[in-house]
Amino acid sequence: MKNEKLSKSILKVILSKQFIAFTLISLMLYSCSTVPISGRKRINFVSDAKILPTSFAQYTGFLAQHALSTDAKKSNQIKEVGARISKAVDRYMRANGMTSEANSYRWEFNLVEDKTVNAWCMPGGKVVFYTGILPIAANVDGIAAIMGHEIAHAFAKHGQERMSTGTIAQLGGVATQIATGLAIKDPRKAQMWNMAYGLGSQLGQLKFSRTHETEADRLGQIFMIMAGYNGEEASKVWVRMSQRSGGQAPPEFMSTHPSNQRRIADLAAFLPKAKVYAKKFNTQGK
């Protein structure tokens, strides 16, 4: 009986809003780091040792279930561009005290036969291009712009950061439920508070995703120039993307991505700075 009472007391403390608030603050303070080059502060308490084996296994599973392109020329082009940009990023990391991190990447680049207009990179450097995005890329520099963007997601550890902030959001939801349950006896009012938190959390995550996309755009532009590609093509990719979509897109605040027009303007404005960064890192650039 004593043990049961003690367990209930401990559980009550763990589920208290004060304890959860303390946990949230401790997690954010303990796991705060800086994204190299961009200087943005990020929260990440998901270790590479935890996420990379899963990432690599999922990538292998994806390739087993999807047909690779039989176009040898285009497939080799994807692999060549990916290799050049990843090597430039690897050189940067090794020259800036990130040797252990550089060693953890297992770069791989594949072209999948799929009409979907998409490309992605998993944590640890596993990249997939869909054949459907090649008309948007249009040329080698366009491929480099998309490749640089995807590699930048892995470099900045956006996947790990989203997992971390997702965990914090879940804890915040529990704290809200406890707080509303203690403070609001009217079930309808408590439900309204919970719904408000849920919407606010969702929109916050969307904004966070847009931050990641903009950061990947800029880092990707730097990386493609570091590898010797023409950085001017980065904004042109989004011009073509905008033309394809006919300007149809959800309001930016309800989207995980910045608007096409915002990306076009941002990349065009950032180009001079991207060239400066590329030169600073002692690499070739246009």
C-alpha atoms as a PDB file:
ATOM      1  CA  MET A   1       0.000   0.000   0.000  1.00  0.00           C
ATOM      2  CA  LYS A   2       2.826   2.388   0.875  1.00  0.00           C
ATOM      3  CA  ASN A   3       4.577   1.620  -2.394  1.00  0.00           C
ATOM      4  CA  GLU A   4       1.354   2.251  -4.317  1.00  0.00           C
ATOM      5  CA  LYS A   5       0.874   5.625  -2.628  1.00  0.00           C
ATOM      6  CA  LEU A   6       4.527   6.510  -3.300  1.00  0.00           C
ATOM      7  CA  SER A   7       4.159   5.571  -6.974  1.00  0.00           C
ATOM      8  CA  LYS A   8       1.056   7.725  -7.310  1.00  0.00           C
ATOM      9  CA  SER A   9       2.854  10.644  -5.653  1.00  0.00           C
ATOM     10  CA  ILE A  10       5.830  10.319  -8.003  1.00  0.00           C
ATOM     11  CA  LEU A  11       3.488  10.081 -11.016  1.00  0.00           C
ATOM     12  CA  LYS A  12       1.636  13.182  -9.850  1.00  0.00           C
ATOM     13  CA  VAL A  13       4.922  15.124  -9.655  1.00  0.00           C
ATOM     14  CA  ILE A  14       6.037  13.909 -13.103  1.00  0.00           C
ATOM     15  CA  LEU A  15       2.727  14.932 -14.669  1.00  0.00           C
ATOM     16  CA  SER A  16       2.600  18.308 -12.934  1.00  0.00           C
ATOM     17  CA  LYS A  17       2.785  21.357 -15.181  1.00  0.00           C
ATOM     18  CA  GLN A  18       5.738  22.695 -13.159  1.00  0.00           C
ATOM     19  CA  PHE A  19       7.745  19.520 -13.737  1.00  0.00           C
ATOM     20  CA  ILE A  20       6.950  19.441 -17.467  1.00  0.00           C
ATOM     21  CA  ALA A  21       7.815  23.131 -17.827  1.00  0.00           C
ATOM     22  CA  PHE A  22      11.139  22.493 -16.075  1.00  0.00           C
ATOM     23  CA  THR A  23      11.788  19.507 -18.353  1.00  0.00           C
ATOM     24  CA  LEU A  24      11.023  21.541 -21.475  1.00  0.00           C
ATOM     25  CA  ILE A  25      13.329  24.373 -20.423  1.00  0.00           C
ATOM     26  CA  SER A  26      16.105  21.947 -19.451  1.00  0.00           C
ATOM     27  CA  LEU A  27      15.865  20.149 -22.803  1.00  0.00           C
ATOM     28  CA  MET A  28      16.037  23.408 -24.748  1.00  0.00           C
ATOM     29  CA  LEU A  29      18.988  24.753 -22.770  1.00  0.00           C
ATOM     30  CA  TYR A  30      20.920  21.483 -22.798  1.00  0.00           C
ATOM     31  CA  SER A  31      20.420  20.764 -26.502  1.00  0.00           C
ATOM     32  CA  CYS A  32      20.925  24.231 -27.986  1.00  0.00           C
ATOM     33  CA  SER A  33      23.605  24.375 -30.684  1.00  0.00           C
ATOM     34  CA  THR A  34      24.461  26.441 -33.764  1.00  0.00           C
ATOM     35  CA  VAL A  35      24.081  25.555 -37.432  1.00  0.00           C
ATOM     36  CA  PRO A  36      27.506  25.998 -39.088  1.00  0.00           C
ATOM     37  CA  ILE A  37      27.744  28.831 -41.639  1.00  0.00           C
ATOM     38  CA  SER A  38      24.204  30.181 -41.087  1.00  0.00           C
ATOM     39  CA  GLY A  39      24.752  30.734 -37.355  1.00  0.00           C
ATOM     40  CA  ARG A  40      21.125  29.917 -36.502  1.00  0.00           C
ATOM     41  CA  LYS A  41      20.496  28.513 -33.033  1.00  0.00           C
ATOM     42  CA  ARG A  42      18.834  25.118 -33.101  1.00  0.00           C
ATOM     43  CA  ILE A  43      17.493  22.579 -30.625  1.00  0.00           C
ATOM     44  CA  ASN A  44      18.665  19.030 -31.183  1.00  0.00           C
ATOM     45  CA  PHE A  45      18.848  16.258 -28.620  1.00  0.00           C
ATOM     46  CA  VAL A  46      18.597  13.395 -31.141  1.00  0.00           C
ATOM     47  CA  SER A  47      22.065  11.872 -31.536  1.00  0.00           C
ATOM     48  CA  ASP A  48      23.462  10.669 -34.863  1.00  0.00           C
ATOM     49  CA  ALA A  49      24.066   7.278 -33.257  1.00  0.00           C
ATOM     50  CA  LYS A  50      20.332   7.003 -32.661  1.00  0.00           C
ATOM     51  CA  ILE A  51      18.951   8.288 -35.964  1.00  0.00           C
ATOM     52  CA  LEU A  52      21.489   7.344 -38.673  1.00  0.00           C
ATOM     53  CA  PRO A  53      21.141   3.528 -38.541  1.00  0.00           C
ATOM     54  CA  THR A  54      17.369   3.942 -38.865  1.00  0.00           C
ATOM     55  CA  SER A  55      17.802   6.458 -41.679  1.00  0.00           C
ATOM     56  CA  PHE A  56      20.125   4.165 -43.630  1.00  0.00           C
ATOM     57  CA  ALA A  57      17.803   1.183 -43.168  1.00  0.00           C
ATOM     58  CA  GLN A  58      14.769   3.163 -44.342  1.00  0.00           C
ATOM     59  CA  TYR A  59      16.662   4.349 -47.411  1.00  0.00           C
ATOM     60  CA  THR A  60      17.610   0.787 -48.317  1.00  0.00           C
ATOM     61  CA  GLY A  61      13.994  -0.244 -47.840  1.00  0.00           C
ATOM     62  CA  PHE A  62      12.766   2.593 -50.055  1.00  0.00           C
ATOM     63  CA  LEU A  63      15.120   1.630 -52.892  1.00  0.00           C
ATOM     64  CA  ALA A  64      13.988  -1.987 -52.653  1.00  0.00           C
ATOM     65  CA  GLN A  65      10.395  -0.911 -53.251  1.00  0.00           C
ATOM     66  CA  HIS A  66      10.939   1.712 -55.979  1.00  0.00           C
ATOM     67  CA  ALA A  67      12.307   1.349 -59.486  1.00  0.00           C
ATOM     68  CA  LEU A  68      15.557   3.124 -60.237  1.00  0.00           C
ATOM     69  CA  SER A  69      15.731   5.024 -63.505  1.00  0.00           C
ATOM     70  CA  THR A  70      17.062   3.019 -66.444  1.00  0.00           C
ATOM     71  CA  ASP A  71      18.419   6.196 -68.044  1.00  0.00           C
ATOM     72  CA  ALA A  72      22.134   5.705 -67.389  1.00  0.00           C
ATOM     73  CA  LYS A  73      23.073   9.203 -68.539  1.00  0.00           C
ATOM     74  CA  LYS A  74      20.655  10.975 -66.191  1.00  0.00           C
ATOM     75  CA  SER A  75      21.410   8.612 -63.300  1.00  0.00           C
ATOM     76  CA  ASN A  76      25.137   9.205 -63.657  1.00  0.00           C
ATOM     77  CA  GLN A  77      24.512  12.947 -63.814  1.00  0.00           C
ATOM     78  CA  ILE A  78      22.717  12.821 -60.462  1.00  0.00           C
ATOM     79  CA  LYS A  79      25.541  10.779 -58.942  1.00  0.00           C
ATOM     80  CA  GLU A  80      28.243  13.067 -60.348  1.00  0.00           C
ATOM     81  CA  VAL A  81      26.604  16.283 -59.135  1.00  0.00           C
ATOM     82  CA  GLY A  82      25.918  14.731 -55.733  1.00  0.00           C
ATOM     83  CA  ALA A  83      29.509  13.542 -55.410  1.00  0.00           C
ATOM     84  CA  ARG A  84      30.970  16.947 -56.279  1.00  0.00           C
ATOM     85  CA  ILE A  85      28.786  18.866 -53.837  1.00  0.00           C
ATOM     86  CA  SER A  86      29.113  16.352 -50.999  1.00  0.00           C
ATOM     87  CA  LYS A  87      32.910  16.399 -51.402  1.00  0.00           C
ATOM     88  CA  ALA A  88      32.879  20.204 -51.139  1.00  0.00           C
ATOM     89  CA  VAL A  89      30.801  19.954 -47.962  1.00  0.00           C
ATOM     90  CA  ASP A  90      33.099  17.228 -46.624  1.00  0.00           C
ATOM     91  CA  ARG A  91      36.153  19.454 -47.211  1.00  0.00           C
ATOM     92  CA  TYR A  92      34.458  22.288 -45.341  1.00  0.00           C
ATOM     93  CA  MET A  93      33.628  20.074 -42.358  1.00  0.00           C
ATOM     94  CA  ARG A  94      37.140  18.619 -42.100  1.00  0.00           C
ATOM     95  CA  ALA A  95      38.680  22.094 -42.347  1.00  0.00           C
ATOM     96  CA  ASN A  96      36.445  23.414 -39.579  1.00  0.00           C
ATOM     97  CA  GLY A  97      36.788  20.901 -36.776  1.00  0.00           C
ATOM     98  CA  MET A  98      33.898  18.659 -37.855  1.00  0.00           C
ATOM     99  CA  THR A  99      35.911  15.544 -38.777  1.00  0.00           C
ATOM    100  CA  SER A 100      33.876  13.167 -36.601  1.00  0.00           C
ATOM    101  CA  GLU A 101      30.675  14.456 -38.111  1.00  0.00           C
ATOM    102  CA  ALA A 102      32.069  14.229 -41.632  1.00  0.00           C
ATOM    103  CA  ASN A 103      32.957  10.588 -40.995  1.00  0.00           C
ATOM    104  CA  SER A 104      29.354   9.800 -40.017  1.00  0.00           C
ATOM    105  CA  TYR A 105      27.901  10.610 -43.449  1.00  0.00           C
ATOM    106  CA  ARG A 106      27.268   7.819 -45.961  1.00  0.00           C
ATOM    107  CA  TRP A 107      26.602   9.811 -49.116  1.00  0.00           C
ATOM    108  CA  GLU A 108      24.511   8.083 -51.775  1.00  0.00           C
ATOM    109  CA  PHE A 109      22.615   9.493 -54.754  1.00  0.00           C
ATOM    110  CA  ASN A 110      19.937   7.710 -56.752  1.00  0.00           C
ATOM    111  CA  LEU A 111      17.443   8.637 -59.467  1.00  0.00           C
ATOM    112  CA  VAL A 112      14.039   6.962 -59.072  1.00  0.00           C
ATOM    113  CA  GLU A 113      11.575   6.508 -61.916  1.00  0.00           C
ATOM    114  CA  ASP A 114       8.611   8.519 -60.666  1.00  0.00           C
ATOM    115  CA  LYS A 115       6.641  11.435 -62.131  1.00  0.00           C
ATOM    116  CA  THR A 116       6.422  13.144 -58.731  1.00  0.00           C
ATOM    117  CA  VAL A 117       8.171  16.520 -58.709  1.00  0.00           C
ATOM    118  CA  ASN A 118      10.357  15.894 -55.692  1.00  0.00           C
ATOM    119  CA  ALA A 119      13.802  15.191 -54.265  1.00  0.00           C
ATOM    120  CA  TRP A 120      14.860  14.538 -50.687  1.00  0.00           C
ATOM    121  CA  CYS A 121      17.811  13.754 -48.446  1.00  0.00           C
ATOM    122  CA  MET A 122      17.635  11.657 -45.305  1.00  0.00           C
ATOM    123  CA  PRO A 123      19.859  12.273 -42.264  1.00  0.00           C
ATOM    124  CA  GLY A 124      23.330  10.966 -42.985  1.00  0.00           C
ATOM    125  CA  GLY A 125      23.391  11.905 -46.665  1.00  0.00           C
ATOM    126  CA  LYS A 126      21.025   9.509 -48.452  1.00  0.00           C
ATOM    127  CA  VAL A 127      19.583  11.378 -51.460  1.00  0.00           C
ATOM    128  CA  VAL A 128      16.802  10.512 -53.896  1.00  0.00           C
ATOM    129  CA  PHE A 129      15.827  12.457 -57.018  1.00  0.00           C
ATOM    130  CA  TYR A 130      12.575  11.630 -58.800  1.00  0.00           C
ATOM    131  CA  THR A 131      12.618  11.780 -62.603  1.00  0.00           C
ATOM    132  CA  GLY A 132       9.625  14.114 -62.343  1.00  0.00           C
ATOM    133  CA  ILE A 133      11.798  16.939 -61.025  1.00  0.00           C
ATOM    134  CA  LEU A 134      14.324  16.840 -63.882  1.00  0.00           C
ATOM    135  CA  PRO A 135      12.301  19.182 -66.172  1.00  0.00           C
ATOM    136  CA  ILE A 136      12.327  21.724 -63.315  1.00  0.00           C
ATOM    137  CA  ALA A 137      16.083  21.312 -62.908  1.00  0.00           C
ATOM    138  CA  ALA A 138      16.397  21.711 -66.713  1.00  0.00           C
ATOM    139  CA  ASN A 139      20.227  21.579 -66.728  1.00  0.00           C
ATOM    140  CA  VAL A 140      23.258  20.488 -64.689  1.00  0.00           C
ATOM    141  CA  ASP A 141      23.352  23.714 -62.670  1.00  0.00           C
ATOM    142  CA  GLY A 142      19.651  23.296 -61.905  1.00  0.00           C
ATOM    143  CA  ILE A 143      20.332  19.776 -60.644  1.00  0.00           C
ATOM    144  CA  ALA A 144      23.154  21.224 -58.514  1.00  0.00           C
ATOM    145  CA  ALA A 145      20.789  23.816 -57.031  1.00  0.00           C
ATOM    146  CA  ILE A 146      18.308  21.134 -55.991  1.00  0.00           C
ATOM    147  CA  MET A 147      21.084  18.803 -54.841  1.00  0.00           C
ATOM    148  CA  GLY A 148      22.724  21.536 -52.777  1.00  0.00           C
ATOM    149  CA  HIS A 149      19.393  22.277 -51.108  1.00  0.00           C
ATOM    150  CA  GLU A 150      18.823  18.629 -50.179  1.00  0.00           C
ATOM    151  CA  ILE A 151      22.377  18.123 -48.943  1.00  0.00           C
ATOM    152  CA  ALA A 152      21.983  21.272 -46.842  1.00  0.00           C
ATOM    153  CA  HIS A 153      19.052  19.662 -44.987  1.00  0.00           C
ATOM    154  CA  ALA A 154      21.365  16.836 -43.884  1.00  0.00           C
ATOM    155  CA  PHE A 155      24.255  19.213 -43.129  1.00  0.00           C
ATOM    156  CA  ALA A 156      22.083  21.416 -40.885  1.00  0.00           C
ATOM    157  CA  LYS A 157      20.494  18.326 -39.256  1.00  0.00           C
ATOM    158  CA  HIS A 158      16.969  19.520 -39.954  1.00  0.00           C
ATOM    159  CA  GLY A 159      15.569  16.008 -39.567  1.00  0.00           C
ATOM    160  CA  GLN A 160      17.044  15.642 -36.098  1.00  0.00           C
ATOM    161  CA  GLU A 161      15.848  19.105 -35.134  1.00  0.00           C
ATOM    162  CA  ARG A 162      12.275  18.388 -36.225  1.00  0.00           C
ATOM    163  CA  MET A 163      12.256  15.191 -34.179  1.00  0.00           C
ATOM    164  CA  SER A 164      13.488  17.172 -31.166  1.00  0.00           C
ATOM    165  CA  THR A 165      10.948  19.975 -31.498  1.00  0.00           C
ATOM    166  CA  GLY A 166       8.202  17.411 -32.134  1.00  0.00           C
ATOM    167  CA  THR A 167       8.997  15.773 -28.806  1.00  0.00           C
ATOM    168  CA  ILE A 168       8.908  19.145 -27.065  1.00  0.00           C
ATOM    169  CA  ALA A 169       5.565  19.945 -28.716  1.00  0.00           C
ATOM    170  CA  GLN A 170       4.133  16.673 -27.411  1.00  0.00           C
ATOM    171  CA  LEU A 171       5.309  17.465 -23.887  1.00  0.00           C
ATOM    172  CA  GLY A 172       3.810  20.932 -24.251  1.00  0.00           C
ATOM    173  CA  GLY A 173       0.498  19.366 -25.226  1.00  0.00           C
ATOM    174  CA  VAL A 174       0.544  17.211 -22.102  1.00  0.00           C
ATOM    175  CA  ALA A 175       1.320  20.280 -19.995  1.00  0.00           C
ATOM    176  CA  THR A 176      -1.613  22.150 -21.577  1.00  0.00           C
ATOM    177  CA  GLN A 177      -3.993  19.289 -20.847  1.00  0.00           C
ATOM    178  CA  ILE A 178      -2.855  19.162 -17.241  1.00  0.00           C
ATOM    179  CA  ALA A 179      -3.017  22.935 -16.805  1.00  0.00           C
ATOM    180  CA  THR A 180      -6.487  23.226 -18.336  1.00  0.00           C
ATOM    181  CA  GLY A 181      -7.698  20.229 -16.386  1.00  0.00           C
ATOM    182  CA  LEU A 182      -6.556  21.827 -13.132  1.00  0.00           C
ATOM    183  CA  ALA A 183      -7.606  25.381 -13.884  1.00  0.00           C
ATOM    184  CA  ILE A 184     -10.786  24.958 -15.959  1.00  0.00           C
ATOM    185  CA  LYS A 185     -13.604  22.829 -14.656  1.00  0.00           C
ATOM    186  CA  ASP A 186     -15.849  23.577 -17.653  1.00  0.00           C
ATOM    187  CA  PRO A 187     -15.050  20.791 -20.195  1.00  0.00           C
ATOM    188  CA  ARG A 188     -15.991  23.044 -23.134  1.00  0.00           C
ATOM    189  CA  LYS A 189     -13.507  25.725 -22.099  1.00  0.00           C
ATOM    190  CA  ALA A 190     -10.793  23.148 -21.505  1.00  0.00           C
ATOM    191  CA  GLN A 191     -11.418  21.744 -24.993  1.00  0.00           C
ATOM    192  CA  MET A 192     -11.125  25.243 -26.489  1.00  0.00           C
ATOM    193  CA  TRP A 193      -7.748  25.753 -24.807  1.00  0.00           C
ATOM    194  CA  ASN A 194      -6.512  22.381 -26.050  1.00  0.00           C
ATOM    195  CA  MET A 195      -7.664  23.140 -29.597  1.00  0.00           C
ATOM    196  CA  ALA A 196      -5.981  26.548 -29.472  1.00  0.00           C
ATOM    197  CA  TYR A 197      -2.716  24.947 -28.380  1.00  0.00           C
ATOM    198  CA  GLY A 198      -2.974  22.321 -31.123  1.00  0.00           C
ATOM    199  CA  LEU A 199      -3.496  24.914 -33.865  1.00  0.00           C
ATOM    200  CA  GLY A 200      -0.766  27.177 -32.495  1.00  0.00           C
ATOM    201  CA  SER A 201       1.658  24.263 -32.288  1.00  0.00           C
ATOM    202  CA  GLN A 202       0.863  23.181 -35.855  1.00  0.00           C
ATOM    203  CA  LEU A 203       1.345  26.673 -37.291  1.00  0.00           C
ATOM    204  CA  GLY A 204       4.542  27.016 -35.259  1.00  0.00           C
ATOM    205  CA  GLN A 205       5.888  23.809 -36.803  1.00  0.00           C
ATOM    206  CA  LEU A 206       4.966  25.061 -40.286  1.00  0.00           C
ATOM    207  CA  LYS A 207       6.868  28.289 -39.678  1.00  0.00           C
ATOM    208  CA  PHE A 208       9.782  26.230 -38.377  1.00  0.00           C
ATOM    209  CA  SER A 209       9.701  24.162 -41.569  1.00  0.00           C
ATOM    210  CA  ARG A 210       9.790  27.355 -43.641  1.00  0.00           C
ATOM    211  CA  THR A 211      12.854  28.434 -41.646  1.00  0.00           C
ATOM    212  CA  HIS A 212      14.516  25.133 -42.537  1.00  0.00           C
ATOM    213  CA  GLU A 213      13.633  25.537 -46.212  1.00  0.00           C
ATOM    214  CA  THR A 214      15.066  29.045 -46.407  1.00  0.00           C
ATOM    215  CA  GLU A 215      18.209  27.935 -44.589  1.00  0.00           C
ATOM    216  CA  ALA A 216      18.587  24.965 -46.964  1.00  0.00           C
ATOM    217  CA  ASP A 217      18.078  27.266 -49.956  1.00  0.00           C
ATOM    218  CA  ARG A 218      20.898  29.549 -48.853  1.00  0.00           C
ATOM    219  CA  LEU A 219      23.291  26.843 -47.684  1.00  0.00           C
ATOM    220  CA  GLY A 220      22.564  24.883 -50.843  1.00  0.00           C
ATOM    221  CA  GLN A 221      23.408  27.877 -52.990  1.00  0.00           C
ATOM    222  CA  ILE A 222      26.737  28.226 -51.174  1.00  0.00           C
ATOM    223  CA  PHE A 223      27.458  24.515 -51.556  1.00  0.00           C
ATOM    224  CA  MET A 224      26.730  24.420 -55.290  1.00  0.00           C
ATOM    225  CA  ILE A 225      29.087  27.364 -55.855  1.00  0.00           C
ATOM    226  CA  MET A 226      31.719  25.675 -53.683  1.00  0.00           C
ATOM    227  CA  ALA A 227      31.496  22.701 -56.050  1.00  0.00           C
ATOM    228  CA  GLY A 228      31.943  24.895 -59.124  1.00  0.00           C
ATOM    229  CA  TYR A 229      28.338  25.268 -60.297  1.00  0.00           C
ATOM    230  CA  ASN A 230      26.571  28.476 -61.314  1.00  0.00           C
ATOM    231  CA  GLY A 231      24.696  29.839 -58.277  1.00  0.00           C
ATOM    232  CA  GLU A 232      22.457  32.036 -60.448  1.00  0.00           C
ATOM    233  CA  GLU A 233      20.529  28.931 -61.438  1.00  0.00           C
ATOM    234  CA  ALA A 234      19.179  28.462 -57.894  1.00  0.00           C
ATOM    235  CA  SER A 235      16.572  31.212 -58.249  1.00  0.00           C
ATOM    236  CA  LYS A 236      15.774  30.113 -61.824  1.00  0.00           C
ATOM    237  CA  VAL A 237      14.770  26.671 -60.551  1.00  0.00           C
ATOM    238  CA  TRP A 238      12.013  28.331 -58.545  1.00  0.00           C
ATOM    239  CA  VAL A 239      10.979  30.454 -61.514  1.00  0.00           C
ATOM    240  CA  ARG A 240      10.369  27.219 -63.421  1.00  0.00           C
ATOM    241  CA  MET A 241       8.633  25.680 -60.406  1.00  0.00           C
ATOM    242  CA  SER A 242       6.325  28.691 -60.208  1.00  0.00           C
ATOM    243  CA  GLN A 243       5.535  28.472 -63.920  1.00  0.00           C
ATOM    244  CA  ARG A 244       4.697  24.797 -63.583  1.00  0.00           C
ATOM    245  CA  SER A 245       2.307  25.359 -60.665  1.00  0.00           C
ATOM    246  CA  GLY A 246       0.628  28.304 -62.387  1.00  0.00           C
ATOM    247  CA  GLY A 247       0.935  30.334 -59.196  1.00  0.00           C
ATOM    248  CA  GLN A 248      -1.457  28.011 -57.324  1.00  0.00           C
ATOM    249  CA  ALA A 249      -0.273  27.519 -53.752  1.00  0.00           C
ATOM    250  CA  PRO A 250      -1.734  27.685 -50.220  1.00  0.00           C
ATOM    251  CA  PRO A 251      -1.161  30.869 -48.180  1.00  0.00           C
ATOM    252  CA  GLU A 252       2.453  30.915 -47.039  1.00  0.00           C
ATOM    253  CA  PHE A 253       1.579  30.891 -43.323  1.00  0.00           C
ATOM    254  CA  MET A 254      -0.314  27.615 -43.893  1.00  0.00           C
ATOM    255  CA  SER A 255       2.491  25.974 -45.830  1.00  0.00           C
ATOM    256  CA  THR A 256       5.659  24.118 -44.869  1.00  0.00           C
ATOM    257  CA  HIS A 257       7.533  25.963 -47.619  1.00  0.00           C
ATOM    258  CA  PRO A 258       8.058  29.648 -48.412  1.00  0.00           C
ATOM    259  CA  SER A 259       6.206  30.879 -51.491  1.00  0.00           C
ATOM    260  CA  ASN A 260       7.941  30.428 -54.844  1.00  0.00           C
ATOM    261  CA  GLN A 261       8.160  34.188 -55.303  1.00  0.00           C
ATOM    262  CA  ARG A 262       9.772  34.662 -51.908  1.00  0.00           C
ATOM    263  CA  ARG A 263      12.358  31.990 -52.702  1.00  0.00           C
ATOM    264  CA  ILE A 264      13.142  33.518 -56.088  1.00  0.00           C
ATOM    265  CA  ALA A 265      13.715  36.941 -54.536  1.00  0.00           C
ATOM    266  CA  ASP A 266      15.664  35.601 -51.555  1.00  0.00           C
ATOM    267  CA  LEU A 267      18.050  33.469 -53.620  1.00  0.00           C
ATOM    268  CA  ALA A 268      18.685  36.258 -56.113  1.00  0.00           C
ATOM    269  CA  ALA A 269      19.444  38.668 -53.259  1.00  0.00           C
ATOM    270  CA  PHE A 270      21.615  36.140 -51.397  1.00  0.00           C
ATOM    271  CA  LEU A 271      23.769  35.231 -54.435  1.00  0.00           C
ATOM    272  CA  PRO A 272      26.520  37.862 -53.851  1.00  0.00           C
ATOM    273  CA  LYS A 273      26.889  36.707 -50.239  1.00  0.00           C
ATOM    274  CA  ALA A 274      26.908  33.052 -51.333  1.00  0.00           C
ATOM    275  CA  LYS A 275      29.829  33.800 -53.645  1.00  0.00           C
ATOM    276  CA  VAL A 276      31.697  35.493 -50.795  1.00  0.00           C
ATOM    277  CA  TYR A 277      31.195  32.435 -48.568  1.00  0.00           C
ATOM    278  CA  ALA A 278      32.377  30.103 -51.343  1.00  0.00           C
ATOM    279  CA  LYS A 279      35.544  32.156 -51.816  1.00  0.00           C
ATOM    280  CA  LYS A 280      36.112  32.309 -48.064  1.00  0.00           C
ATOM    281  CA  PHE A 281      36.044  28.510 -47.897  1.00  0.00           C
ATOM    282  CA  ASN A 282      38.845  28.339 -50.492  1.00  0.00           C
ATOM    283  CA  THR A 283      36.796  26.584 -53.132  1.00  0.00           C
ATOM    284  CA  GLN A 284      36.104  27.256 -56.752  1.00  0.00           C
ATOM    285  CA  GLY A 285      33.052  29.306 -57.628  1.00  0.00           C
ATOM    286  CA  LYS A 286      31.385  31.180 -60.434  1.00  0.00           C
END
